[in-house]
Amino acid sequence: MHAASVYLIGFEKYDGGIDLSKGDARSTFGVALHRRDDGHSERRPLRDSSPATADPLVKYIEIDFPHITSRKARRIVSNSTLSSALSRSPPANGEKAYTISQGGTRLDSEMYALTPLDLRQDLPPIPTDSDPNPVHPLTKHLLPLLDPTVPTLFLAECLFCYMPPSASASVIDWFGNVFSRPAGPDGPEGGGCIGVIYEMCGLDSPAHQASRFTGTGNGAPGYDFAQGTSLKEIRASHIPKAELERISKLEFLDEVEELELVLDHYCVAWGVKLSPSQRNAVERSGKDWRQVLGVGLDQGIIAC
């Protein structure tokens, strides 16, 4: 299962059932943290974010190691199909739809950005005598590219297993805090966010991965809802039989038990952080938040 499918299909279902945006705009941001470099990761978001699809995605942002972003940037600018999808309209007077900086490791455009950053370092920020109030790396490098008032999804694909629990908690907590701020003198309220973790579970269960969002395990507290499931369960219960049969015709699979052993070692977990106004509406109603805001998000994320 391609992790980008979790992001894209999940957002389509989520946007159709739970409106975290203001008014009818239904705009969304997508942030991918340390995506895999398999030659496909940059194609799906660019293709599906084109104006012809009427996708509500405002911008798709990837954060990865500098040596990875430089390769991705070269592939994008050398491919006319990919580079033409970087803006909603063709650039005027022969101008390029993108800019390359930081020695070729960073790409910026209207709808897509590649940002070089090693999230294994400097997390969580630790105050020192020389720097008593250190700036979070995501505040410095990512926040200028985002609009906290717009609902945002972040995808961590096989990343947190390589980070200390305190570092991954710092990432999850940062997104939750930035996108759920109450309205005040410093600006409007946050638009809410969804976090999706695609991870190798190892000895951890999907429920433990989901607890990263709620704080019941080693994760950062504060998300309103979290759930997780294994890829084995997704294949068994959430992919239509007709689709499995179609895939089997493309590539015959006779070692189903071996496949299920592998799939059981991977899981998808997601958490939802509501905006302050949505949380107030849920509290006033006394009902489950999914009943107040729309259909269950779990089916939207899993239906990939």
C-alpha atoms as a PDB file:
ATOM      1  CA  MET A   1       0.000   0.000   0.000  1.00  0.00           C
ATOM      2  CA  HIS A   2       1.416   3.352  -1.027  1.00  0.00           C
ATOM      3  CA  ALA A   3       1.470   5.811   1.841  1.00  0.00           C
ATOM      4  CA  ALA A   4       0.485   8.661  -0.465  1.00  0.00           C
ATOM      5  CA  SER A   5      -2.834   6.905  -0.998  1.00  0.00           C
ATOM      6  CA  VAL A   6      -3.513   7.102   2.719  1.00  0.00           C
ATOM      7  CA  TYR A   7      -2.952  10.832   2.578  1.00  0.00           C
ATOM      8  CA  LEU A   8      -4.897  11.612  -0.585  1.00  0.00           C
ATOM      9  CA  ILE A   9      -7.894   9.331  -0.196  1.00  0.00           C
ATOM     10  CA  GLY A  10      -8.099  10.067   3.487  1.00  0.00           C
ATOM     11  CA  PHE A  11      -8.305  13.763   2.761  1.00  0.00           C
ATOM     12  CA  GLU A  12     -10.999  13.324   0.133  1.00  0.00           C
ATOM     13  CA  LYS A  13     -13.200  11.381   2.545  1.00  0.00           C
ATOM     14  CA  TYR A  14     -12.354  13.640   5.444  1.00  0.00           C
ATOM     15  CA  ASP A  15     -13.130  16.805   3.529  1.00  0.00           C
ATOM     16  CA  GLY A  16     -16.440  15.383   2.403  1.00  0.00           C
ATOM     17  CA  GLY A  17     -17.597  14.420   5.886  1.00  0.00           C
ATOM     18  CA  ILE A  18     -15.904  16.685   8.436  1.00  0.00           C
ATOM     19  CA  ASP A  19     -15.577  20.322   7.517  1.00  0.00           C
ATOM     20  CA  LEU A  20     -12.658  21.747   9.478  1.00  0.00           C
ATOM     21  CA  SER A  21     -12.445  24.794   7.238  1.00  0.00           C
ATOM     22  CA  LYS A  22     -14.241  28.102   7.589  1.00  0.00           C
ATOM     23  CA  GLY A  23     -17.153  28.784   5.246  1.00  0.00           C
ATOM     24  CA  ASP A  24     -17.252  26.850   1.994  1.00  0.00           C
ATOM     25  CA  ALA A  25     -13.599  27.145   1.017  1.00  0.00           C
ATOM     26  CA  ARG A  26     -12.686  23.630   2.203  1.00  0.00           C
ATOM     27  CA  SER A  27      -8.995  24.314   1.592  1.00  0.00           C
ATOM     28  CA  THR A  28      -6.327  22.038   3.016  1.00  0.00           C
ATOM     29  CA  PHE A  29      -2.572  21.831   3.463  1.00  0.00           C
ATOM     30  CA  GLY A  30      -0.590  18.587   3.292  1.00  0.00           C
ATOM     31  CA  VAL A  31       2.784  18.082   4.980  1.00  0.00           C
ATOM     32  CA  ALA A  32       4.867  14.935   4.467  1.00  0.00           C
ATOM     33  CA  LEU A  33       7.747  14.304   6.879  1.00  0.00           C
ATOM     34  CA  HIS A  34      10.705  12.331   5.509  1.00  0.00           C
ATOM     35  CA  ARG A  35       8.905  10.578   2.671  1.00  0.00           C
ATOM     36  CA  ARG A  36      10.549   7.571   1.047  1.00  0.00           C
ATOM     37  CA  ASP A  37      12.681   8.223  -2.030  1.00  0.00           C
ATOM     38  CA  ASP A  38      11.391   5.602  -4.461  1.00  0.00           C
ATOM     39  CA  GLY A  39      10.800   7.792  -7.480  1.00  0.00           C
ATOM     40  CA  HIS A  40       7.026   7.869  -6.953  1.00  0.00           C
ATOM     41  CA  SER A  41       6.625  10.040  -3.865  1.00  0.00           C
ATOM     42  CA  GLU A  42       6.572  13.344  -5.722  1.00  0.00           C
ATOM     43  CA  ARG A  43       4.304  12.229  -8.558  1.00  0.00           C
ATOM     44  CA  ARG A  44       1.001  11.550  -6.784  1.00  0.00           C
ATOM     45  CA  PRO A  45       0.626  14.833  -4.867  1.00  0.00           C
ATOM     46  CA  LEU A  46       1.619  16.918  -7.864  1.00  0.00           C
ATOM     47  CA  ARG A  47      -0.651  15.064 -10.253  1.00  0.00           C
ATOM     48  CA  ASP A  48      -3.675  15.007  -7.939  1.00  0.00           C
ATOM     49  CA  SER A  49      -3.209  18.639  -6.942  1.00  0.00           C
ATOM     50  CA  SER A  50      -3.562  19.955 -10.483  1.00  0.00           C
ATOM     51  CA  PRO A  51      -6.342  22.442 -11.214  1.00  0.00           C
ATOM     52  CA  ALA A  52      -8.158  19.921 -13.437  1.00  0.00           C
ATOM     53  CA  THR A  53      -8.965  17.718 -10.444  1.00  0.00           C
ATOM     54  CA  ALA A  54     -10.548  20.560  -8.435  1.00  0.00           C
ATOM     55  CA  ASP A  55      -8.561  19.303  -5.447  1.00  0.00           C
ATOM     56  CA  PRO A  56      -8.969  21.457  -2.311  1.00  0.00           C
ATOM     57  CA  LEU A  57      -5.271  21.066  -1.549  1.00  0.00           C
ATOM     58  CA  VAL A  58      -3.655  24.479  -1.118  1.00  0.00           C
ATOM     59  CA  LYS A  59      -0.082  23.255  -0.939  1.00  0.00           C
ATOM     60  CA  TYR A  60       1.843  20.031  -0.458  1.00  0.00           C
ATOM     61  CA  ILE A  61       5.091  20.308   1.483  1.00  0.00           C
ATOM     62  CA  GLU A  62       7.772  17.667   1.958  1.00  0.00           C
ATOM     63  CA  ILE A  63      10.508  17.744   4.602  1.00  0.00           C
ATOM     64  CA  ASP A  64      13.434  15.392   4.144  1.00  0.00           C
ATOM     65  CA  PHE A  65      17.202  15.023   4.379  1.00  0.00           C
ATOM     66  CA  PRO A  66      19.102  17.464   2.118  1.00  0.00           C
ATOM     67  CA  HIS A  67      20.569  14.678  -0.042  1.00  0.00           C
ATOM     68  CA  ILE A  68      17.031  13.359  -0.623  1.00  0.00           C
ATOM     69  CA  THR A  69      15.423  16.724  -1.412  1.00  0.00           C
ATOM     70  CA  SER A  70      18.186  17.537  -3.901  1.00  0.00           C
ATOM     71  CA  ARG A  71      17.480  14.323  -5.855  1.00  0.00           C
ATOM     72  CA  LYS A  72      13.724  14.945  -5.771  1.00  0.00           C
ATOM     73  CA  ALA A  73      14.181  18.536  -6.923  1.00  0.00           C
ATOM     74  CA  ARG A  74      16.321  17.427  -9.869  1.00  0.00           C
ATOM     75  CA  ARG A  75      13.737  14.847 -10.912  1.00  0.00           C
ATOM     76  CA  ILE A  76      10.899  17.374 -10.746  1.00  0.00           C
ATOM     77  CA  VAL A  77      12.573  20.193 -12.684  1.00  0.00           C
ATOM     78  CA  SER A  78      13.795  17.774 -15.368  1.00  0.00           C
ATOM     79  CA  ASN A  79      10.297  16.372 -15.933  1.00  0.00           C
ATOM     80  CA  SER A  80       7.973  18.734 -17.792  1.00  0.00           C
ATOM     81  CA  THR A  81       4.840  16.949 -16.557  1.00  0.00           C
ATOM     82  CA  LEU A  82       5.830  17.354 -12.919  1.00  0.00           C
ATOM     83  CA  SER A  83       7.204  20.880 -13.201  1.00  0.00           C
ATOM     84  CA  SER A  84       4.084  22.077 -15.033  1.00  0.00           C
ATOM     85  CA  ALA A  85       1.967  21.012 -12.015  1.00  0.00           C
ATOM     86  CA  LEU A  86       3.834  23.292  -9.609  1.00  0.00           C
ATOM     87  CA  SER A  87       1.497  26.244 -10.219  1.00  0.00           C
ATOM     88  CA  ARG A  88      -2.215  26.659 -10.876  1.00  0.00           C
ATOM     89  CA  SER A  89      -1.618  28.630 -14.058  1.00  0.00           C
ATOM     90  CA  PRO A  90       1.271  28.698 -16.550  1.00  0.00           C
ATOM     91  CA  PRO A  91       4.030  31.194 -15.646  1.00  0.00           C
ATOM     92  CA  ALA A  92       4.060  34.380 -17.704  1.00  0.00           C
ATOM     93  CA  ASN A  93       6.814  35.422 -20.103  1.00  0.00           C
ATOM     94  CA  GLY A  94       8.643  32.135 -19.934  1.00  0.00           C
ATOM     95  CA  GLU A  95       9.331  32.381 -16.221  1.00  0.00           C
ATOM     96  CA  LYS A  96       9.817  29.224 -14.190  1.00  0.00           C
ATOM     97  CA  ALA A  97       7.081  28.035 -11.830  1.00  0.00           C
ATOM     98  CA  TYR A  98       9.625  27.306  -9.113  1.00  0.00           C
ATOM     99  CA  THR A  99      12.772  28.534  -7.426  1.00  0.00           C
ATOM    100  CA  ILE A 100      15.736  26.412  -6.351  1.00  0.00           C
ATOM    101  CA  SER A 101      17.891  27.474  -3.397  1.00  0.00           C
ATOM    102  CA  GLN A 102      20.191  26.226  -0.650  1.00  0.00           C
ATOM    103  CA  GLY A 103      22.570  24.591  -3.082  1.00  0.00           C
ATOM    104  CA  GLY A 104      19.834  22.771  -4.962  1.00  0.00           C
ATOM    105  CA  THR A 105      18.347  21.133  -1.862  1.00  0.00           C
ATOM    106  CA  ARG A 106      15.255  23.350  -1.601  1.00  0.00           C
ATOM    107  CA  LEU A 107      12.436  23.856  -4.090  1.00  0.00           C
ATOM    108  CA  ASP A 108       9.638  26.386  -3.646  1.00  0.00           C
ATOM    109  CA  SER A 109       6.574  26.878  -5.817  1.00  0.00           C
ATOM    110  CA  GLU A 110       2.935  27.884  -5.551  1.00  0.00           C
ATOM    111  CA  MET A 111       1.565  24.398  -4.867  1.00  0.00           C
ATOM    112  CA  TYR A 112       4.566  22.330  -3.796  1.00  0.00           C
ATOM    113  CA  ALA A 113       7.672  22.742  -1.663  1.00  0.00           C
ATOM    114  CA  LEU A 114      10.685  20.635  -0.752  1.00  0.00           C
ATOM    115  CA  THR A 115      12.405  21.674   2.469  1.00  0.00           C
ATOM    116  CA  PRO A 116      15.714  20.146   3.608  1.00  0.00           C
ATOM    117  CA  LEU A 117      15.635  19.384   7.338  1.00  0.00           C
ATOM    118  CA  ASP A 118      16.808  16.538   9.562  1.00  0.00           C
ATOM    119  CA  LEU A 119      14.057  16.082  12.150  1.00  0.00           C
ATOM    120  CA  ARG A 120      16.224  13.726  14.187  1.00  0.00           C
ATOM    121  CA  GLN A 121      18.243  16.707  15.391  1.00  0.00           C
ATOM    122  CA  ASP A 122      17.386  19.422  17.903  1.00  0.00           C
ATOM    123  CA  LEU A 123      14.110  17.832  19.065  1.00  0.00           C
ATOM    124  CA  PRO A 124      12.705  18.589  21.469  1.00  0.00           C
ATOM    125  CA  PRO A 125      14.299  22.064  21.774  1.00  0.00           C
ATOM    126  CA  ILE A 126      16.233  22.272  25.039  1.00  0.00           C
ATOM    127  CA  PRO A 127      16.777  25.676  26.715  1.00  0.00           C
ATOM    128  CA  THR A 128      20.367  26.579  27.506  1.00  0.00           C
ATOM    129  CA  ASP A 129      22.064  29.500  29.226  1.00  0.00           C
ATOM    130  CA  SER A 130      22.934  31.022  25.871  1.00  0.00           C
ATOM    131  CA  ASP A 131      19.498  30.298  24.363  1.00  0.00           C
ATOM    132  CA  PRO A 132      16.836  30.111  27.102  1.00  0.00           C
ATOM    133  CA  ASN A 133      13.958  30.138  24.563  1.00  0.00           C
ATOM    134  CA  PRO A 134      15.005  27.976  21.606  1.00  0.00           C
ATOM    135  CA  VAL A 135      12.833  28.099  18.486  1.00  0.00           C
ATOM    136  CA  HIS A 136      11.312  24.808  17.404  1.00  0.00           C
ATOM    137  CA  PRO A 137      12.852  23.710  14.063  1.00  0.00           C
ATOM    138  CA  LEU A 138       9.384  23.339  12.524  1.00  0.00           C
ATOM    139  CA  THR A 139       8.512  26.886  13.588  1.00  0.00           C
ATOM    140  CA  LYS A 140      11.615  28.148  11.839  1.00  0.00           C
ATOM    141  CA  HIS A 141      11.559  26.063   8.665  1.00  0.00           C
ATOM    142  CA  LEU A 142       7.944  24.930   8.137  1.00  0.00           C
ATOM    143  CA  LEU A 143       5.573  27.456   9.675  1.00  0.00           C
ATOM    144  CA  PRO A 144       6.412  30.234   7.141  1.00  0.00           C
ATOM    145  CA  LEU A 145       5.065  27.918   4.417  1.00  0.00           C
ATOM    146  CA  LEU A 146       1.759  27.211   6.167  1.00  0.00           C
ATOM    147  CA  ASP A 147      -1.438  28.990   7.149  1.00  0.00           C
ATOM    148  CA  PRO A 148      -2.413  27.798  10.670  1.00  0.00           C
ATOM    149  CA  THR A 149      -6.035  28.829  10.063  1.00  0.00           C
ATOM    150  CA  VAL A 150      -6.371  26.223   7.283  1.00  0.00           C
ATOM    151  CA  PRO A 151      -6.974  22.584   8.285  1.00  0.00           C
ATOM    152  CA  THR A 152      -3.788  20.630   7.706  1.00  0.00           C
ATOM    153  CA  LEU A 153      -2.769  16.999   7.465  1.00  0.00           C
ATOM    154  CA  PHE A 154       0.719  15.789   8.294  1.00  0.00           C
ATOM    155  CA  LEU A 155       2.014  12.393   7.251  1.00  0.00           C
ATOM    156  CA  ALA A 156       4.940  10.698   9.003  1.00  0.00           C
ATOM    157  CA  GLU A 157       5.962   7.703   6.919  1.00  0.00           C
ATOM    158  CA  CYS A 158       8.322   5.272   8.664  1.00  0.00           C
ATOM    159  CA  LEU A 159       9.929   8.182  10.500  1.00  0.00           C
ATOM    160  CA  PHE A 160       9.128   7.985  14.199  1.00  0.00           C
ATOM    161  CA  CYS A 161      10.645   4.516  14.606  1.00  0.00           C
ATOM    162  CA  TYR A 162      14.023   6.161  13.966  1.00  0.00           C
ATOM    163  CA  MET A 163      13.467   8.952  16.499  1.00  0.00           C
ATOM    164  CA  PRO A 164      13.474   8.984  20.307  1.00  0.00           C
ATOM    165  CA  PRO A 165       9.928   9.121  21.754  1.00  0.00           C
ATOM    166  CA  SER A 166      10.589  12.648  23.043  1.00  0.00           C
ATOM    167  CA  ALA A 167      11.487  13.839  19.531  1.00  0.00           C
ATOM    168  CA  SER A 168       8.453  12.298  17.815  1.00  0.00           C
ATOM    169  CA  ALA A 169       6.217  13.641  20.596  1.00  0.00           C
ATOM    170  CA  SER A 170       7.651  17.095  19.945  1.00  0.00           C
ATOM    171  CA  VAL A 171       6.607  16.876  16.267  1.00  0.00           C
ATOM    172  CA  ILE A 172       3.078  15.682  17.073  1.00  0.00           C
ATOM    173  CA  ASP A 173       2.640  18.282  19.798  1.00  0.00           C
ATOM    174  CA  TRP A 174       3.900  21.085  17.541  1.00  0.00           C
ATOM    175  CA  PHE A 175       1.232  20.404  14.906  1.00  0.00           C
ATOM    176  CA  GLY A 176      -1.500  20.102  17.532  1.00  0.00           C
ATOM    177  CA  ASN A 177      -0.555  23.391  19.203  1.00  0.00           C
ATOM    178  CA  VAL A 178      -0.084  25.424  16.023  1.00  0.00           C
ATOM    179  CA  PHE A 179      -3.345  24.351  14.380  1.00  0.00           C
ATOM    180  CA  SER A 180      -5.653  24.526  17.396  1.00  0.00           C
ATOM    181  CA  ARG A 181      -4.843  27.945  18.815  1.00  0.00           C
ATOM    182  CA  PRO A 182      -7.823  29.931  20.103  1.00  0.00           C
ATOM    183  CA  ALA A 183      -8.631  33.234  18.476  1.00  0.00           C
ATOM    184  CA  GLY A 184      -7.007  36.152  20.249  1.00  0.00           C
ATOM    185  CA  PRO A 185      -5.056  39.392  19.863  1.00  0.00           C
ATOM    186  CA  ASP A 186      -2.280  37.550  18.006  1.00  0.00           C
ATOM    187  CA  GLY A 187      -4.551  36.269  15.263  1.00  0.00           C
ATOM    188  CA  PRO A 188      -7.476  34.001  14.315  1.00  0.00           C
ATOM    189  CA  GLU A 189      -7.990  30.521  15.678  1.00  0.00           C
ATOM    190  CA  GLY A 190      -6.274  27.500  14.212  1.00  0.00           C
ATOM    191  CA  GLY A 191      -8.002  25.392  11.593  1.00  0.00           C
ATOM    192  CA  GLY A 192      -7.422  22.014  13.221  1.00  0.00           C
ATOM    193  CA  CYS A 193      -5.266  19.179  11.924  1.00  0.00           C
ATOM    194  CA  ILE A 194      -5.040  15.465  11.262  1.00  0.00           C
ATOM    195  CA  GLY A 195      -1.860  13.481  11.826  1.00  0.00           C
ATOM    196  CA  VAL A 196      -1.261  10.165  10.051  1.00  0.00           C
ATOM    197  CA  ILE A 197       1.545   7.810  11.077  1.00  0.00           C
ATOM    198  CA  TYR A 198       2.536   5.045   8.663  1.00  0.00           C
ATOM    199  CA  GLU A 199       4.979   2.974  10.670  1.00  0.00           C
ATOM    200  CA  MET A 200       6.637  -0.359  11.224  1.00  0.00           C
ATOM    201  CA  CYS A 201       5.089  -1.443  14.509  1.00  0.00           C
ATOM    202  CA  GLY A 202       7.643  -4.001  15.662  1.00  0.00           C
ATOM    203  CA  LEU A 203       6.632  -4.913  19.201  1.00  0.00           C
ATOM    204  CA  ASP A 204       4.221  -1.976  19.397  1.00  0.00           C
ATOM    205  CA  SER A 205       0.541  -2.448  18.656  1.00  0.00           C
ATOM    206  CA  PRO A 206      -1.490  -0.089  16.417  1.00  0.00           C
ATOM    207  CA  ALA A 207      -3.187   1.149  19.598  1.00  0.00           C
ATOM    208  CA  HIS A 208       0.208   2.117  21.019  1.00  0.00           C
ATOM    209  CA  GLN A 209       1.025   4.054  17.856  1.00  0.00           C
ATOM    210  CA  ALA A 210      -2.323   5.851  18.161  1.00  0.00           C
ATOM    211  CA  SER A 211      -1.530   6.716  21.787  1.00  0.00           C
ATOM    212  CA  ARG A 212       1.222   9.027  20.509  1.00  0.00           C
ATOM    213  CA  PHE A 213      -1.589  11.484  19.768  1.00  0.00           C
ATOM    214  CA  THR A 214      -3.531  11.159  23.000  1.00  0.00           C
ATOM    215  CA  GLY A 215      -0.689  10.991  25.495  1.00  0.00           C
ATOM    216  CA  THR A 216      -1.757   7.672  26.982  1.00  0.00           C
ATOM    217  CA  GLY A 217       1.610   6.205  25.943  1.00  0.00           C
ATOM    218  CA  ASN A 218       4.832   8.078  25.248  1.00  0.00           C
ATOM    219  CA  GLY A 219       3.186  10.583  22.938  1.00  0.00           C
ATOM    220  CA  ALA A 220       2.266  14.218  23.272  1.00  0.00           C
ATOM    221  CA  PRO A 221      -1.207  14.806  24.785  1.00  0.00           C
ATOM    222  CA  GLY A 222      -4.003  16.927  23.468  1.00  0.00           C
ATOM    223  CA  TYR A 223      -5.519  15.356  20.365  1.00  0.00           C
ATOM    224  CA  ASP A 224      -9.259  14.804  20.469  1.00  0.00           C
ATOM    225  CA  PHE A 225      -9.388  11.407  18.804  1.00  0.00           C
ATOM    226  CA  ALA A 226      -6.913   8.714  17.767  1.00  0.00           C
ATOM    227  CA  GLN A 227      -7.109   5.252  16.259  1.00  0.00           C
ATOM    228  CA  GLY A 228      -4.805   2.742  14.592  1.00  0.00           C
ATOM    229  CA  THR A 229      -4.928  -0.460  12.617  1.00  0.00           C
ATOM    230  CA  SER A 230      -2.484  -2.874  10.990  1.00  0.00           C
ATOM    231  CA  LEU A 231      -2.044  -3.195   7.244  1.00  0.00           C
ATOM    232  CA  LYS A 232      -3.121  -6.803   7.648  1.00  0.00           C
ATOM    233  CA  GLU A 233      -6.466  -5.631   9.036  1.00  0.00           C
ATOM    234  CA  ILE A 234      -6.798  -3.029   6.277  1.00  0.00           C
ATOM    235  CA  ARG A 235      -6.280  -5.682   3.611  1.00  0.00           C
ATOM    236  CA  ALA A 236      -8.682  -8.101   5.291  1.00  0.00           C
ATOM    237  CA  SER A 237     -11.522  -5.761   6.235  1.00  0.00           C
ATOM    238  CA  HIS A 238     -11.320  -2.505   4.304  1.00  0.00           C
ATOM    239  CA  ILE A 239     -10.219  -3.309   0.755  1.00  0.00           C
ATOM    240  CA  PRO A 240     -13.124  -4.542  -1.412  1.00  0.00           C
ATOM    241  CA  LYS A 241     -12.924  -8.152  -2.530  1.00  0.00           C
ATOM    242  CA  ALA A 242     -13.250  -7.058  -6.149  1.00  0.00           C
ATOM    243  CA  GLU A 243     -10.133  -4.914  -5.789  1.00  0.00           C
ATOM    244  CA  LEU A 244      -8.146  -7.785  -4.286  1.00  0.00           C
ATOM    245  CA  GLU A 245      -9.242 -10.001  -7.158  1.00  0.00           C
ATOM    246  CA  ARG A 246      -8.210  -7.336  -9.682  1.00  0.00           C
ATOM    247  CA  ILE A 247      -4.765  -7.084  -8.090  1.00  0.00           C
ATOM    248  CA  SER A 248      -4.332 -10.864  -8.060  1.00  0.00           C
ATOM    249  CA  LYS A 249      -4.869 -10.921 -11.830  1.00  0.00           C
ATOM    250  CA  LEU A 250      -2.057  -8.413 -12.267  1.00  0.00           C
ATOM    251  CA  GLU A 251       0.372 -10.308 -10.054  1.00  0.00           C
ATOM    252  CA  PHE A 252      -0.500 -13.755  -8.763  1.00  0.00           C
ATOM    253  CA  LEU A 253       0.050 -14.174  -5.023  1.00  0.00           C
ATOM    254  CA  ASP A 254       0.325 -17.693  -3.634  1.00  0.00           C
ATOM    255  CA  GLU A 255       2.083 -16.894  -0.359  1.00  0.00           C
ATOM    256  CA  VAL A 256      -0.763 -15.120   1.402  1.00  0.00           C
ATOM    257  CA  GLU A 257       0.319 -16.190   4.892  1.00  0.00           C
ATOM    258  CA  GLU A 258       3.799 -14.747   4.370  1.00  0.00           C
ATOM    259  CA  LEU A 259       2.291 -11.507   3.087  1.00  0.00           C
ATOM    260  CA  GLU A 260       0.034 -11.236   6.126  1.00  0.00           C
ATOM    261  CA  LEU A 261       3.006 -11.746   8.454  1.00  0.00           C
ATOM    262  CA  VAL A 262       4.718  -8.786   6.809  1.00  0.00           C
ATOM    263  CA  LEU A 263       1.595  -6.612   6.772  1.00  0.00           C
ATOM    264  CA  ASP A 264       1.023  -7.304  10.454  1.00  0.00           C
ATOM    265  CA  HIS A 265       4.319  -5.568  11.207  1.00  0.00           C
ATOM    266  CA  TYR A 266       3.106  -2.272   9.697  1.00  0.00           C
ATOM    267  CA  CYS A 267       0.262  -0.047  10.765  1.00  0.00           C
ATOM    268  CA  VAL A 268      -1.472   3.231  10.121  1.00  0.00           C
ATOM    269  CA  ALA A 269      -2.427   5.428  13.070  1.00  0.00           C
ATOM    270  CA  TRP A 270      -4.154   8.801  12.965  1.00  0.00           C
ATOM    271  CA  GLY A 271      -5.147  11.548  15.348  1.00  0.00           C
ATOM    272  CA  VAL A 272      -7.517  14.507  15.055  1.00  0.00           C
ATOM    273  CA  LYS A 273      -7.057  17.901  16.689  1.00  0.00           C
ATOM    274  CA  LEU A 274     -10.207  20.026  16.498  1.00  0.00           C
ATOM    275  CA  SER A 275     -10.253  23.793  16.284  1.00  0.00           C
ATOM    276  CA  PRO A 276     -11.403  25.611  19.461  1.00  0.00           C
ATOM    277  CA  SER A 277     -14.816  26.493  17.988  1.00  0.00           C
ATOM    278  CA  GLN A 278     -15.430  22.899  16.952  1.00  0.00           C
ATOM    279  CA  ARG A 279     -14.412  21.633  20.366  1.00  0.00           C
ATOM    280  CA  ASN A 280     -16.837  24.066  21.997  1.00  0.00           C
ATOM    281  CA  ALA A 281     -19.638  22.867  19.720  1.00  0.00           C
ATOM    282  CA  VAL A 282     -18.925  19.265  20.666  1.00  0.00           C
ATOM    283  CA  GLU A 283     -18.859  20.081  24.387  1.00  0.00           C
ATOM    284  CA  ARG A 284     -22.152  21.975  24.192  1.00  0.00           C
ATOM    285  CA  SER A 285     -23.866  19.109  22.376  1.00  0.00           C
ATOM    286  CA  GLY A 286     -22.748  16.420  24.808  1.00  0.00           C
ATOM    287  CA  LYS A 287     -22.393  14.024  21.872  1.00  0.00           C
ATOM    288  CA  ASP A 288     -19.438  12.236  20.311  1.00  0.00           C
ATOM    289  CA  TRP A 289     -17.470  14.703  18.178  1.00  0.00           C
ATOM    290  CA  ARG A 290     -17.973  12.585  15.050  1.00  0.00           C
ATOM    291  CA  GLN A 291     -21.747  12.813  15.476  1.00  0.00           C
ATOM    292  CA  VAL A 292     -21.537  16.592  15.660  1.00  0.00           C
ATOM    293  CA  LEU A 293     -19.101  17.213  12.814  1.00  0.00           C
ATOM    294  CA  GLY A 294     -19.885  14.454  10.351  1.00  0.00           C
ATOM    295  CA  VAL A 295     -19.190  10.860   9.422  1.00  0.00           C
ATOM    296  CA  GLY A 296     -16.428   8.853  11.075  1.00  0.00           C
ATOM    297  CA  LEU A 297     -12.961   9.806   9.982  1.00  0.00           C
ATOM    298  CA  ASP A 298     -11.651   6.296  10.551  1.00  0.00           C
ATOM    299  CA  GLN A 299     -13.446   4.961   7.486  1.00  0.00           C
ATOM    300  CA  GLY A 300     -12.141   7.865   5.414  1.00  0.00           C
ATOM    301  CA  ILE A 301      -8.510   7.259   6.301  1.00  0.00           C
ATOM    302  CA  ILE A 302      -8.688   3.480   6.013  1.00  0.00           C
ATOM    303  CA  ALA A 303     -10.628   3.410   2.739  1.00  0.00           C
ATOM    304  CA  CYS A 304      -7.457   3.307   0.676  1.00  0.00           C
END
